[in-house]
């Protein structure tokens, strides 16, 4: 009987764990879709910003924005990881990619200021003996992205106040079909002049010729800020969507494993229960034979 009670306890524990896994799986699936919709909306906004830059830069080549090949004195690096687990080596992969890129750049370690999003990214950096200058939480939902972007802009403003920091790059994961993902490096500041030149050289897909009345420098500055803004938004949205997709895959594997375990425990319970019933029947028969002498 103790074996049967132990099997019952294990079955109840596995069923409770299965319920938790299903809940986490459902939440991950919902978050994936929410952030995918956000990325789609940001892509549309990015196209709108690109059209504005195309109009402004069409008669004003962005030569003044050309980036010097020589490195600046200091570099700001933003690394987006995760706060929660159950998503495999999500944070370790992006941190390993970031450290590999930074090692190949012409900066000493003390010349790089790091802003990390996610406790697990901080832990991975500390394991690699890299200090973190600032830390932010990863937004758990679409509603939290605005606050995260605002905090990143505040950090960028602080960096710009420090002498020498005029280059900022971002490291994050992006989806690559299904539940797969790859680390990506994105330049935040200064804006890539070659990308702006490509935007300016695009054909205008309309018979209506665009015009603007604002001061060129003022309008260009506003559009570039929106360009940087949507770049940061897309990086966070892609990263969190990828994190939840990875968690969804892990929860699916866990659910399959728990299902196999429950089937195995149920089979063992049925066999043990059958053995117990057989033993009880044999005891009854033996007692009857002892009483009757037959």
C-alpha atoms as a PDB file:
ATOM      1  CA  UNK A   1       0.000   0.000   0.000  1.00  0.00           C
ATOM      2  CA  UNK A   2       2.754   2.578   0.666  1.00  0.00           C
ATOM      3  CA  UNK A   3       3.867   2.139  -2.976  1.00  0.00           C
ATOM      4  CA  UNK A   4       0.341   2.961  -4.180  1.00  0.00           C
ATOM      5  CA  UNK A   5       0.137   6.046  -1.949  1.00  0.00           C
ATOM      6  CA  UNK A   6       3.511   7.222  -3.241  1.00  0.00           C
ATOM      7  CA  UNK A   7       2.359   6.793  -6.850  1.00  0.00           C
ATOM      8  CA  UNK A   8      -0.856   8.725  -6.094  1.00  0.00           C
ATOM      9  CA  UNK A   9       1.190  11.571  -4.631  1.00  0.00           C
ATOM     10  CA  UNK A  10       3.451  11.663  -7.692  1.00  0.00           C
ATOM     11  CA  UNK A  11       0.457  11.665 -10.049  1.00  0.00           C
ATOM     12  CA  UNK A  12      -1.159  14.591  -8.208  1.00  0.00           C
ATOM     13  CA  UNK A  13       2.128  16.532  -8.277  1.00  0.00           C
ATOM     14  CA  UNK A  14       2.575  15.883 -12.010  1.00  0.00           C
ATOM     15  CA  UNK A  15      -1.007  16.960 -12.724  1.00  0.00           C
ATOM     16  CA  UNK A  16      -0.509  20.206 -10.775  1.00  0.00           C
ATOM     17  CA  UNK A  17       2.736  20.872 -12.647  1.00  0.00           C
ATOM     18  CA  UNK A  18       0.992  20.172 -15.953  1.00  0.00           C
ATOM     19  CA  UNK A  19      -1.639  22.785 -15.078  1.00  0.00           C
ATOM     20  CA  UNK A  20       1.074  25.379 -14.353  1.00  0.00           C
ATOM     21  CA  UNK A  21       2.891  24.568 -17.597  1.00  0.00           C
ATOM     22  CA  UNK A  22      -0.309  24.926 -19.622  1.00  0.00           C
ATOM     23  CA  UNK A  23      -0.961  28.321 -18.035  1.00  0.00           C
ATOM     24  CA  UNK A  24       2.574  29.532 -18.795  1.00  0.00           C
ATOM     25  CA  UNK A  25       2.244  28.191 -22.330  1.00  0.00           C
ATOM     26  CA  UNK A  26      -0.983  30.117 -22.874  1.00  0.00           C
ATOM     27  CA  UNK A  27       0.512  33.352 -21.485  1.00  0.00           C
ATOM     28  CA  UNK A  28       3.603  32.974 -23.675  1.00  0.00           C
ATOM     29  CA  UNK A  29       1.458  32.431 -26.774  1.00  0.00           C
ATOM     30  CA  UNK A  30      -0.620  35.528 -25.985  1.00  0.00           C
ATOM     31  CA  UNK A  31       2.493  37.661 -25.439  1.00  0.00           C
ATOM     32  CA  UNK A  32       4.053  36.424 -28.665  1.00  0.00           C
ATOM     33  CA  UNK A  33       1.024  37.547 -30.650  1.00  0.00           C
ATOM     34  CA  UNK A  34       0.770  40.896 -28.857  1.00  0.00           C
ATOM     35  CA  UNK A  35       4.401  41.761 -29.578  1.00  0.00           C
ATOM     36  CA  UNK A  36       4.160  40.491 -33.169  1.00  0.00           C
ATOM     37  CA  UNK A  37       1.277  42.910 -33.728  1.00  0.00           C
ATOM     38  CA  UNK A  38       3.379  45.648 -32.144  1.00  0.00           C
ATOM     39  CA  UNK A  39       6.282  44.906 -34.507  1.00  0.00           C
ATOM     40  CA  UNK A  40       3.916  45.047 -37.497  1.00  0.00           C
ATOM     41  CA  UNK A  41       2.617  48.450 -36.364  1.00  0.00           C
ATOM     42  CA  UNK A  42       6.164  49.706 -35.819  1.00  0.00           C
ATOM     43  CA  UNK A  43       7.136  48.575 -39.310  1.00  0.00           C
ATOM     44  CA  UNK A  44       4.334  50.720 -40.707  1.00  0.00           C
ATOM     45  CA  UNK A  45       5.470  53.684 -38.604  1.00  0.00           C
ATOM     46  CA  UNK A  46       9.056  53.113 -39.727  1.00  0.00           C
ATOM     47  CA  UNK A  47       7.934  53.351 -43.351  1.00  0.00           C
ATOM     48  CA  UNK A  48       6.195  56.641 -42.553  1.00  0.00           C
ATOM     49  CA  UNK A  49       9.369  58.035 -40.962  1.00  0.00           C
ATOM     50  CA  UNK A  50      11.408  56.827 -43.941  1.00  0.00           C
ATOM     51  CA  UNK A  51       9.056  58.669 -46.275  1.00  0.00           C
ATOM     52  CA  UNK A  52       9.531  61.845 -44.263  1.00  0.00           C
ATOM     53  CA  UNK A  53      13.312  61.450 -44.416  1.00  0.00           C
ATOM     54  CA  UNK A  54      13.078  60.749 -48.131  1.00  0.00           C
ATOM     55  CA  UNK A  55      11.289  64.051 -48.668  1.00  0.00           C
ATOM     56  CA  UNK A  56      13.680  66.057 -46.497  1.00  0.00           C
ATOM     57  CA  UNK A  57      16.881  64.496 -47.817  1.00  0.00           C
ATOM     58  CA  UNK A  58      15.935  64.352 -51.481  1.00  0.00           C
ATOM     59  CA  UNK A  59      17.415  67.768 -52.215  1.00  0.00           C
ATOM     60  CA  UNK A  60      19.793  67.757 -49.238  1.00  0.00           C
ATOM     61  CA  UNK A  61      22.219  64.796 -49.362  1.00  0.00           C
ATOM     62  CA  UNK A  62      23.038  63.565 -45.836  1.00  0.00           C
ATOM     63  CA  UNK A  63      26.751  64.233 -46.262  1.00  0.00           C
ATOM     64  CA  UNK A  64      26.797  66.229 -43.041  1.00  0.00           C
ATOM     65  CA  UNK A  65      25.754  63.086 -41.190  1.00  0.00           C
ATOM     66  CA  UNK A  66      28.574  60.982 -42.549  1.00  0.00           C
ATOM     67  CA  UNK A  67      30.150  58.989 -39.740  1.00  0.00           C
ATOM     68  CA  UNK A  68      33.862  59.229 -39.176  1.00  0.00           C
ATOM     69  CA  UNK A  69      35.658  55.894 -39.536  1.00  0.00           C
ATOM     70  CA  UNK A  70      37.779  56.696 -36.506  1.00  0.00           C
ATOM     71  CA  UNK A  71      36.313  55.422 -33.236  1.00  0.00           C
ATOM     72  CA  UNK A  72      35.111  57.863 -30.621  1.00  0.00           C
ATOM     73  CA  UNK A  73      36.594  57.927 -27.148  1.00  0.00           C
ATOM     74  CA  UNK A  74      33.821  55.882 -25.524  1.00  0.00           C
ATOM     75  CA  UNK A  75      30.978  53.588 -26.578  1.00  0.00           C
ATOM     76  CA  UNK A  76      27.533  52.995 -25.097  1.00  0.00           C
ATOM     77  CA  UNK A  77      26.191  49.436 -25.431  1.00  0.00           C
ATOM     78  CA  UNK A  78      22.584  48.385 -24.756  1.00  0.00           C
ATOM     79  CA  UNK A  79      22.084  44.634 -24.248  1.00  0.00           C
ATOM     80  CA  UNK A  80      18.529  43.253 -24.108  1.00  0.00           C
ATOM     81  CA  UNK A  81      18.175  39.940 -22.284  1.00  0.00           C
ATOM     82  CA  UNK A  82      15.424  38.565 -20.050  1.00  0.00           C
ATOM     83  CA  UNK A  83      14.260  38.741 -16.443  1.00  0.00           C
ATOM     84  CA  UNK A  84      12.432  35.401 -16.435  1.00  0.00           C
ATOM     85  CA  UNK A  85      13.658  31.890 -17.063  1.00  0.00           C
ATOM     86  CA  UNK A  86      12.166  28.946 -18.948  1.00  0.00           C
ATOM     87  CA  UNK A  87      13.420  30.306 -22.280  1.00  0.00           C
ATOM     88  CA  UNK A  88      16.674  28.392 -22.720  1.00  0.00           C
ATOM     89  CA  UNK A  89      19.983  30.199 -23.342  1.00  0.00           C
ATOM     90  CA  UNK A  90      18.174  33.332 -24.525  1.00  0.00           C
ATOM     91  CA  UNK A  91      20.172  35.852 -22.487  1.00  0.00           C
ATOM     92  CA  UNK A  92      23.472  33.984 -22.690  1.00  0.00           C
ATOM     93  CA  UNK A  93      23.350  33.921 -26.483  1.00  0.00           C
ATOM     94  CA  UNK A  94      22.805  37.655 -26.884  1.00  0.00           C
ATOM     95  CA  UNK A  95      25.431  38.451 -24.233  1.00  0.00           C
ATOM     96  CA  UNK A  96      27.962  36.140 -25.921  1.00  0.00           C
ATOM     97  CA  UNK A  97      27.243  37.842 -29.252  1.00  0.00           C
ATOM     98  CA  UNK A  98      27.616  41.298 -27.693  1.00  0.00           C
ATOM     99  CA  UNK A  99      30.939  40.465 -26.034  1.00  0.00           C
ATOM    100  CA  UNK A 100      32.248  38.965 -29.271  1.00  0.00           C
ATOM    101  CA  UNK A 101      31.350  42.125 -31.218  1.00  0.00           C
ATOM    102  CA  UNK A 102      32.740  44.433 -28.529  1.00  0.00           C
ATOM    103  CA  UNK A 103      35.997  42.476 -28.413  1.00  0.00           C
ATOM    104  CA  UNK A 104      36.502  43.088 -32.121  1.00  0.00           C
ATOM    105  CA  UNK A 105      35.778  46.818 -31.839  1.00  0.00           C
ATOM    106  CA  UNK A 106      38.596  49.324 -31.203  1.00  0.00           C
ATOM    107  CA  UNK A 107      37.581  50.046 -27.602  1.00  0.00           C
ATOM    108  CA  UNK A 108      39.138  49.091 -24.310  1.00  0.00           C
ATOM    109  CA  UNK A 109      36.871  47.535 -21.719  1.00  0.00           C
ATOM    110  CA  UNK A 110      36.884  50.672 -19.550  1.00  0.00           C
ATOM    111  CA  UNK A 111      35.824  52.712 -22.586  1.00  0.00           C
ATOM    112  CA  UNK A 112      32.507  50.830 -22.934  1.00  0.00           C
ATOM    113  CA  UNK A 113      29.469  51.721 -20.807  1.00  0.00           C
ATOM    114  CA  UNK A 114      26.882  48.918 -20.669  1.00  0.00           C
ATOM    115  CA  UNK A 115      23.141  49.242 -20.081  1.00  0.00           C
ATOM    116  CA  UNK A 116      21.573  45.806 -19.575  1.00  0.00           C
ATOM    117  CA  UNK A 117      17.885  44.951 -19.750  1.00  0.00           C
ATOM    118  CA  UNK A 118      17.059  41.840 -17.729  1.00  0.00           C
ATOM    119  CA  UNK A 119      18.574  40.278 -14.610  1.00  0.00           C
ATOM    120  CA  UNK A 120      19.713  37.218 -16.548  1.00  0.00           C
ATOM    121  CA  UNK A 121      21.665  39.406 -18.955  1.00  0.00           C
ATOM    122  CA  UNK A 122      23.319  41.073 -15.962  1.00  0.00           C
ATOM    123  CA  UNK A 123      24.202  37.659 -14.516  1.00  0.00           C
ATOM    124  CA  UNK A 124      25.684  36.506 -17.842  1.00  0.00           C
ATOM    125  CA  UNK A 125      27.793  39.666 -18.084  1.00  0.00           C
ATOM    126  CA  UNK A 126      29.035  39.279 -14.518  1.00  0.00           C
ATOM    127  CA  UNK A 127      29.965  35.660 -15.233  1.00  0.00           C
ATOM    128  CA  UNK A 128      32.133  36.982 -18.072  1.00  0.00           C
ATOM    129  CA  UNK A 129      33.700  39.481 -15.645  1.00  0.00           C
ATOM    130  CA  UNK A 130      32.042  42.507 -17.260  1.00  0.00           C
ATOM    131  CA  UNK A 131      30.591  45.251 -15.116  1.00  0.00           C
ATOM    132  CA  UNK A 132      27.156  46.745 -15.829  1.00  0.00           C
ATOM    133  CA  UNK A 133      26.817  50.509 -15.537  1.00  0.00           C
ATOM    134  CA  UNK A 134      23.027  50.547 -15.481  1.00  0.00           C
ATOM    135  CA  UNK A 135      20.177  48.026 -15.344  1.00  0.00           C
ATOM    136  CA  UNK A 136      16.535  48.086 -16.465  1.00  0.00           C
ATOM    137  CA  UNK A 137      13.744  45.530 -16.276  1.00  0.00           C
ATOM    138  CA  UNK A 138      12.443  43.909 -19.451  1.00  0.00           C
ATOM    139  CA  UNK A 139       8.795  44.859 -20.098  1.00  0.00           C
ATOM    140  CA  UNK A 140       6.499  41.904 -19.489  1.00  0.00           C
ATOM    141  CA  UNK A 141       3.732  43.245 -21.676  1.00  0.00           C
ATOM    142  CA  UNK A 142       3.131  45.713 -24.501  1.00  0.00           C
ATOM    143  CA  UNK A 143       1.925  48.300 -21.980  1.00  0.00           C
ATOM    144  CA  UNK A 144       5.350  48.350 -20.318  1.00  0.00           C
ATOM    145  CA  UNK A 145       7.359  49.103 -23.459  1.00  0.00           C
ATOM    146  CA  UNK A 146       6.769  52.865 -23.300  1.00  0.00           C
ATOM    147  CA  UNK A 147       8.320  53.122 -19.828  1.00  0.00           C
ATOM    148  CA  UNK A 148      11.299  50.983 -20.877  1.00  0.00           C
ATOM    149  CA  UNK A 149      11.968  53.115 -23.968  1.00  0.00           C
ATOM    150  CA  UNK A 150      11.685  56.284 -21.897  1.00  0.00           C
ATOM    151  CA  UNK A 151      14.255  54.927 -19.413  1.00  0.00           C
ATOM    152  CA  UNK A 152      16.586  54.015 -22.278  1.00  0.00           C
ATOM    153  CA  UNK A 153      16.329  57.543 -23.686  1.00  0.00           C
ATOM    154  CA  UNK A 154      17.167  58.951 -20.255  1.00  0.00           C
ATOM    155  CA  UNK A 155      20.235  56.697 -20.127  1.00  0.00           C
ATOM    156  CA  UNK A 156      21.245  57.816 -23.630  1.00  0.00           C
ATOM    157  CA  UNK A 157      20.890  61.460 -22.589  1.00  0.00           C
ATOM    158  CA  UNK A 158      23.148  60.796 -19.594  1.00  0.00           C
ATOM    159  CA  UNK A 159      25.674  59.131 -21.881  1.00  0.00           C
ATOM    160  CA  UNK A 160      25.684  62.124 -24.208  1.00  0.00           C
ATOM    161  CA  UNK A 161      26.521  64.329 -21.245  1.00  0.00           C
ATOM    162  CA  UNK A 162      29.628  62.263 -20.547  1.00  0.00           C
ATOM    163  CA  UNK A 163      32.682  63.364 -22.508  1.00  0.00           C
ATOM    164  CA  UNK A 164      33.595  61.035 -25.347  1.00  0.00           C
ATOM    165  CA  UNK A 165      30.413  58.926 -25.642  1.00  0.00           C
ATOM    166  CA  UNK A 166      28.945  59.666 -29.055  1.00  0.00           C
ATOM    167  CA  UNK A 167      28.411  56.142 -30.413  1.00  0.00           C
ATOM    168  CA  UNK A 168      25.663  53.832 -29.131  1.00  0.00           C
ATOM    169  CA  UNK A 169      24.844  50.324 -30.325  1.00  0.00           C
ATOM    170  CA  UNK A 170      22.208  47.819 -29.252  1.00  0.00           C
ATOM    171  CA  UNK A 171      22.339  44.014 -29.014  1.00  0.00           C
ATOM    172  CA  UNK A 172      19.137  41.983 -29.061  1.00  0.00           C
ATOM    173  CA  UNK A 173      17.596  38.771 -30.372  1.00  0.00           C
ATOM    174  CA  UNK A 174      15.269  38.674 -33.366  1.00  0.00           C
ATOM    175  CA  UNK A 175      13.028  35.825 -34.603  1.00  0.00           C
ATOM    176  CA  UNK A 176      14.274  33.670 -37.454  1.00  0.00           C
ATOM    177  CA  UNK A 177      11.344  31.517 -38.511  1.00  0.00           C
ATOM    178  CA  UNK A 178       9.237  29.477 -36.097  1.00  0.00           C
ATOM    179  CA  UNK A 179      10.724  29.449 -32.616  1.00  0.00           C
ATOM    180  CA  UNK A 180      14.334  30.026 -33.767  1.00  0.00           C
ATOM    181  CA  UNK A 181      16.165  33.294 -33.129  1.00  0.00           C
ATOM    182  CA  UNK A 182      19.509  34.939 -33.767  1.00  0.00           C
ATOM    183  CA  UNK A 183      21.377  37.793 -32.029  1.00  0.00           C
ATOM    184  CA  UNK A 184      21.455  41.104 -33.855  1.00  0.00           C
ATOM    185  CA  UNK A 185      23.595  44.255 -33.597  1.00  0.00           C
ATOM    186  CA  UNK A 186      21.766  47.543 -34.274  1.00  0.00           C
ATOM    187  CA  UNK A 187      23.326  50.985 -34.420  1.00  0.00           C
ATOM    188  CA  UNK A 188      21.384  53.562 -32.438  1.00  0.00           C
ATOM    189  CA  UNK A 189      23.538  56.671 -32.605  1.00  0.00           C
ATOM    190  CA  UNK A 190      24.833  58.221 -34.744  1.00  0.00           C
ATOM    191  CA  UNK A 191      22.348  57.242 -37.429  1.00  0.00           C
ATOM    192  CA  UNK A 192      23.974  55.343 -40.275  1.00  0.00           C
ATOM    193  CA  UNK A 193      24.519  57.879 -43.053  1.00  0.00           C
ATOM    194  CA  UNK A 194      24.620  55.170 -45.733  1.00  0.00           C
ATOM    195  CA  UNK A 195      21.119  54.022 -44.714  1.00  0.00           C
ATOM    196  CA  UNK A 196      19.879  57.604 -44.944  1.00  0.00           C
ATOM    197  CA  UNK A 197      21.464  57.957 -48.376  1.00  0.00           C
ATOM    198  CA  UNK A 198      19.601  54.854 -49.560  1.00  0.00           C
ATOM    199  CA  UNK A 199      16.343  56.306 -48.240  1.00  0.00           C
ATOM    200  CA  UNK A 200      16.987  59.588 -50.032  1.00  0.00           C
ATOM    201  CA  UNK A 201      17.658  57.841 -53.351  1.00  0.00           C
ATOM    202  CA  UNK A 202      14.407  55.865 -53.408  1.00  0.00           C
ATOM    203  CA  UNK A 203      11.848  56.606 -56.106  1.00  0.00           C
ATOM    204  CA  UNK A 204       8.827  58.506 -54.849  1.00  0.00           C
ATOM    205  CA  UNK A 205       5.858  56.184 -55.384  1.00  0.00           C
ATOM    206  CA  UNK A 206       3.246  58.828 -56.115  1.00  0.00           C
ATOM    207  CA  UNK A 207       2.357  61.456 -58.687  1.00  0.00           C
ATOM    208  CA  UNK A 208       1.991  64.065 -55.920  1.00  0.00           C
ATOM    209  CA  UNK A 209       5.209  65.862 -55.122  1.00  0.00           C
ATOM    210  CA  UNK A 210       5.751  66.314 -51.346  1.00  0.00           C
ATOM    211  CA  UNK A 211       6.571  69.699 -49.824  1.00  0.00           C
ATOM    212  CA  UNK A 212       7.407  71.001 -46.361  1.00  0.00           C
ATOM    213  CA  UNK A 213       7.497  74.437 -44.747  1.00  0.00           C
ATOM    214  CA  UNK A 214       9.484  73.761 -41.576  1.00  0.00           C
ATOM    215  CA  UNK A 215      13.124  74.673 -41.147  1.00  0.00           C
ATOM    216  CA  UNK A 216      15.284  71.929 -42.661  1.00  0.00           C
ATOM    217  CA  UNK A 217      17.494  71.380 -39.607  1.00  0.00           C
ATOM    218  CA  UNK A 218      14.548  71.363 -37.208  1.00  0.00           C
ATOM    219  CA  UNK A 219      12.530  68.927 -39.309  1.00  0.00           C
ATOM    220  CA  UNK A 220      15.517  66.640 -39.918  1.00  0.00           C
ATOM    221  CA  UNK A 221      16.306  66.578 -36.200  1.00  0.00           C
ATOM    222  CA  UNK A 222      12.707  65.621 -35.361  1.00  0.00           C
ATOM    223  CA  UNK A 223      12.652  62.862 -37.992  1.00  0.00           C
ATOM    224  CA  UNK A 224      15.986  61.455 -36.858  1.00  0.00           C
ATOM    225  CA  UNK A 225      14.739  61.319 -33.279  1.00  0.00           C
ATOM    226  CA  UNK A 226      11.688  59.378 -34.465  1.00  0.00           C
ATOM    227  CA  UNK A 227      14.022  57.133 -36.473  1.00  0.00           C
ATOM    228  CA  UNK A 228      16.014  56.326 -33.341  1.00  0.00           C
ATOM    229  CA  UNK A 229      12.817  55.954 -31.306  1.00  0.00           C
ATOM    230  CA  UNK A 230      11.278  53.381 -33.623  1.00  0.00           C
ATOM    231  CA  UNK A 231      14.617  51.545 -33.808  1.00  0.00           C
ATOM    232  CA  UNK A 232      14.648  51.087 -30.024  1.00  0.00           C
ATOM    233  CA  UNK A 233      10.947  50.164 -29.942  1.00  0.00           C
ATOM    234  CA  UNK A 234      11.423  47.486 -32.619  1.00  0.00           C
ATOM    235  CA  UNK A 235      14.466  46.045 -30.870  1.00  0.00           C
ATOM    236  CA  UNK A 236      12.571  45.625 -27.584  1.00  0.00           C
ATOM    237  CA  UNK A 237       9.422  44.286 -29.257  1.00  0.00           C
ATOM    238  CA  UNK A 238      11.374  41.766 -31.333  1.00  0.00           C
ATOM    239  CA  UNK A 239      13.408  40.680 -28.319  1.00  0.00           C
ATOM    240  CA  UNK A 240      10.412  40.126 -26.021  1.00  0.00           C
ATOM    241  CA  UNK A 241       8.455  38.373 -28.789  1.00  0.00           C
ATOM    242  CA  UNK A 242      11.423  36.068 -29.368  1.00  0.00           C
ATOM    243  CA  UNK A 243      11.802  35.442 -25.634  1.00  0.00           C
ATOM    244  CA  UNK A 244       8.160  34.388 -25.321  1.00  0.00           C
ATOM    245  CA  UNK A 245       8.383  32.225 -28.441  1.00  0.00           C
ATOM    246  CA  UNK A 246      11.372  30.453 -26.921  1.00  0.00           C
ATOM    247  CA  UNK A 247       9.466  30.035 -23.647  1.00  0.00           C
ATOM    248  CA  UNK A 248       6.461  28.681 -25.557  1.00  0.00           C
ATOM    249  CA  UNK A 249       8.675  26.058 -27.178  1.00  0.00           C
ATOM    250  CA  UNK A 250      10.162  25.108 -23.795  1.00  0.00           C
ATOM    251  CA  UNK A 251       6.688  24.825 -22.240  1.00  0.00           C
ATOM    252  CA  UNK A 252       5.516  22.641 -25.137  1.00  0.00           C
ATOM    253  CA  UNK A 253       8.450  20.294 -24.558  1.00  0.00           C
ATOM    254  CA  UNK A 254       7.759  20.286 -20.811  1.00  0.00           C
ATOM    255  CA  UNK A 255       4.077  19.522 -21.408  1.00  0.00           C
ATOM    256  CA  UNK A 256       5.019  16.570 -23.621  1.00  0.00           C
ATOM    257  CA  UNK A 257       7.437  15.253 -20.994  1.00  0.00           C
ATOM    258  CA  UNK A 258       4.856  15.592 -18.220  1.00  0.00           C
ATOM    259  CA  UNK A 259       2.297  13.778 -20.386  1.00  0.00           C
ATOM    260  CA  UNK A 260       4.721  10.895 -20.870  1.00  0.00           C
ATOM    261  CA  UNK A 261       5.465  10.849 -17.137  1.00  0.00           C
ATOM    262  CA  UNK A 262       1.766  10.809 -16.246  1.00  0.00           C
ATOM    263  CA  UNK A 263       1.152   7.913 -18.590  1.00  0.00           C
ATOM    264  CA  UNK A 264       4.049   6.011 -17.059  1.00  0.00           C
ATOM    265  CA  UNK A 265       2.880   6.739 -13.501  1.00  0.00           C
ATOM    266  CA  UNK A 266      -0.711   5.785 -14.343  1.00  0.00           C
ATOM    267  CA  UNK A 267       0.454   2.472 -15.802  1.00  0.00           C
ATOM    268  CA  UNK A 268       2.569   1.780 -12.715  1.00  0.00           C
ATOM    269  CA  UNK A 269      -0.347   2.731 -10.456  1.00  0.00           C
ATOM    270  CA  UNK A 270      -2.742   0.392 -12.291  1.00  0.00           C
ATOM    271  CA  UNK A 271      -0.259  -2.485 -12.086  1.00  0.00           C
ATOM    272  CA  UNK A 272       0.420  -1.838  -8.407  1.00  0.00           C
ATOM    273  CA  UNK A 273      -3.291  -1.573  -7.695  1.00  0.00           C
ATOM    274  CA  UNK A 274      -3.952  -4.824  -9.553  1.00  0.00           C
ATOM    275  CA  UNK A 275      -1.183  -6.570  -7.599  1.00  0.00           C
ATOM    276  CA  UNK A 276      -2.668  -5.252  -4.365  1.00  0.00           C
ATOM    277  CA  UNK A 277      -6.160  -6.541  -5.270  1.00  0.00           C
ATOM    278  CA  UNK A 278      -4.737  -9.902  -6.298  1.00  0.00           C
ATOM    279  CA  UNK A 279      -2.853 -10.140  -3.008  1.00  0.00           C
ATOM    280  CA  UNK A 280      -6.011  -9.335  -1.025  1.00  0.00           C
ATOM    281  CA  UNK A 281      -8.025 -11.963  -2.936  1.00  0.00           C
ATOM    282  CA  UNK A 282      -5.337 -14.585  -2.281  1.00  0.00           C
ATOM    283  CA  UNK A 283      -5.391 -13.711   1.430  1.00  0.00           C
ATOM    284  CA  UNK A 284      -9.168 -14.168   1.514  1.00  0.00           C
ATOM    285  CA  UNK A 285      -8.937 -17.523  -0.281  1.00  0.00           C
ATOM    286  CA  UNK A 286      -6.171 -18.691   2.020  1.00  0.00           C
ATOM    287  CA  UNK A 287      -8.189 -17.690   5.113  1.00  0.00           C
ATOM    288  CA  UNK A 288     -11.257 -19.494   3.797  1.00  0.00           C
ATOM    289  CA  UNK A 289      -9.250 -22.652   3.132  1.00  0.00           C
ATOM    290  CA  UNK A 290      -7.741 -22.501   6.633  1.00  0.00           C
ATOM    291  CA  UNK A 291     -11.203 -22.187   8.239  1.00  0.00           C
ATOM    292  CA  UNK A 292     -12.885 -24.920   6.206  1.00  0.00           C
ATOM    293  CA  UNK A 293      -9.930 -27.265   6.053  1.00  0.00           C
ATOM    294  CA  UNK A 294     -10.549 -27.721   2.348  1.00  0.00           C
END
